Protein backbone atom coordinates (compact mmCIF):
# COMPACT_ATOMS: atom_id res chain seq x y z
CA UNK A 1 11.53 -11.12 56.50
CA UNK A 2 9.33 -11.33 53.50
CA UNK A 3 9.26 -14.59 51.67
CA UNK A 4 8.60 -14.53 47.97
CA UNK A 5 6.35 -17.16 46.54
CA UNK A 6 7.71 -18.41 43.27
CA UNK A 7 5.17 -19.77 40.86
CA UNK A 8 6.65 -22.90 39.33
CA UNK A 9 4.46 -22.61 36.28
CA UNK A 10 4.40 -19.23 34.53
CA UNK A 11 1.24 -18.04 32.89
CA UNK A 12 0.79 -19.57 29.44
CA UNK A 13 1.37 -17.23 26.51
CA UNK A 14 -1.56 -16.01 24.49
CA UNK A 15 -2.71 -18.86 22.33
CA UNK A 16 -2.82 -18.71 18.58
CA UNK A 17 -6.62 -18.52 18.51
CA UNK A 18 -6.76 -15.93 21.25
CA UNK A 19 -4.27 -13.76 19.37
CA UNK A 20 -6.33 -14.02 16.19
CA UNK A 21 -9.49 -13.11 18.08
CA UNK A 22 -7.74 -10.08 19.58
CA UNK A 23 -6.59 -8.93 16.14
CA UNK A 24 -10.10 -9.48 14.73
CA UNK A 25 -11.64 -7.50 17.59
CA UNK A 26 -9.21 -4.62 17.06
CA UNK A 27 -9.84 -4.62 13.32
CA UNK A 28 -13.60 -4.63 13.88
CA UNK A 29 -13.27 -1.71 16.28
CA UNK A 30 -11.25 0.28 13.75
CA UNK A 31 -13.76 -0.47 10.98
CA UNK A 32 -16.68 0.62 13.16
CA UNK A 33 -14.98 3.83 14.27
CA UNK A 34 -13.41 4.72 10.91
CA UNK A 35 -16.52 6.17 9.15
CA UNK A 36 -16.76 8.91 11.74
CA UNK A 37 -13.10 9.79 11.21
CA UNK A 38 -13.03 10.00 7.43
CA UNK A 39 -13.33 13.14 5.37
CA UNK A 40 -12.35 11.65 2.04
CA UNK A 41 -13.91 13.32 -0.96
CA UNK A 42 -15.52 16.15 0.96
CA UNK A 43 -13.06 18.87 0.01
CA UNK A 44 -9.52 19.37 -1.18
CA UNK A 45 -9.94 21.40 -4.33
CA UNK A 46 -6.76 23.24 -3.36
CA UNK A 47 -4.82 20.06 -4.28
CA UNK A 48 -6.23 19.86 -7.82
CA UNK A 49 -3.29 21.73 -9.42
CA UNK A 50 -0.81 19.47 -7.60
CA UNK A 51 -2.62 16.31 -8.71
CA UNK A 52 -2.82 17.59 -12.28
CA UNK A 53 0.90 18.36 -12.27
CA UNK A 54 1.85 14.96 -10.85
CA UNK A 55 -0.36 13.04 -13.29
CA UNK A 56 1.06 15.14 -16.11
CA UNK A 57 4.57 14.23 -15.07
CA UNK A 58 3.73 10.53 -14.67
CA UNK A 59 1.99 10.16 -18.02
CA UNK A 60 4.15 12.64 -19.92
CA UNK A 61 7.75 12.53 -20.98
CA UNK A 62 9.09 12.57 -17.40
CA UNK A 63 7.09 9.44 -16.61
CA UNK A 64 8.32 7.77 -19.78
CA UNK A 65 11.93 8.60 -18.91
CA UNK A 66 11.52 7.25 -15.38
CA UNK A 67 9.82 4.11 -16.75
CA UNK A 68 12.73 3.62 -19.17
CA UNK A 69 15.19 4.06 -16.30
CA UNK A 70 13.29 1.43 -14.30
CA UNK A 71 13.55 -0.96 -17.24
CA UNK A 72 17.27 -0.28 -17.75
CA UNK A 73 18.05 -0.69 -14.04
CA UNK A 74 15.99 -3.89 -13.99
CA UNK A 75 17.83 -5.18 -17.04
CA UNK A 76 21.20 -4.46 -15.42
CA UNK A 77 20.09 -6.09 -12.17
CA UNK A 78 18.85 -9.11 -14.11
CA UNK A 79 22.15 -9.46 -15.97
CA UNK A 80 24.24 -9.16 -12.80
CA UNK A 81 22.13 -11.75 -10.97
CA UNK A 82 21.79 -14.00 -13.98
CA UNK A 83 18.01 -13.89 -13.75
CA UNK A 84 15.25 -12.42 -15.84
CA UNK A 85 13.30 -11.32 -12.73
CA UNK A 86 15.15 -8.00 -12.48
CA UNK A 87 14.05 -7.14 -15.99
CA UNK A 88 10.48 -8.24 -15.23
CA UNK A 89 10.43 -6.08 -12.09
CA UNK A 90 11.74 -3.12 -14.13
CA UNK A 91 8.96 -3.60 -16.68
CA UNK A 92 6.38 -3.91 -13.87
CA UNK A 93 7.62 -0.76 -12.11
CA UNK A 94 7.67 1.25 -15.34
CA UNK A 95 4.22 0.08 -16.34
CA UNK A 96 2.88 0.70 -12.83
CA UNK A 97 4.24 4.23 -12.82
CA UNK A 98 2.78 5.03 -16.22
CA UNK A 99 -0.67 3.50 -15.52
CA UNK A 100 -1.05 4.60 -11.88
CA UNK A 101 -2.99 7.84 -12.61
CA UNK A 102 -5.56 5.95 -14.70
CA UNK A 103 -5.99 3.33 -11.98
CA UNK A 104 -6.32 5.99 -9.28
CA UNK A 105 -8.91 7.95 -11.28
CA UNK A 106 -10.91 4.81 -12.05
CA UNK A 107 -10.83 3.68 -8.43
CA UNK A 108 -11.72 7.00 -6.84
CA UNK A 109 -14.43 7.96 -9.29
CA UNK A 110 -16.05 4.51 -9.43
CA UNK A 111 -19.75 4.36 -8.67
CA UNK A 112 -22.00 1.43 -7.94
CA UNK A 113 -24.90 0.87 -10.31
CA UNK A 114 -28.39 1.08 -8.86
CA UNK A 115 -30.30 -2.14 -8.99
């Protein structure tokens, strides 16, 4: 017969610091490998009409209607909960929708000044 040896003390779980080091090591590996995997900004002119259409919708009347709907839904949610936070979230969502194309354009086309 085979006899099984039972370990009275199981292996300790990964410690908090060891887990953080593992996450840091994985993040560092991703950051070091990511530049070879990116193709951002190298092509994609076929998506220009789509981007133009979407930004037109977001900053045009459709975007204004959706922003107003966000505000109305937030107002209704705030009234039903008895809190002003629903209204604030509606204002934030509407403003974010309307300003998103400007933020995206400013972020993507940003350049660093030469010193």
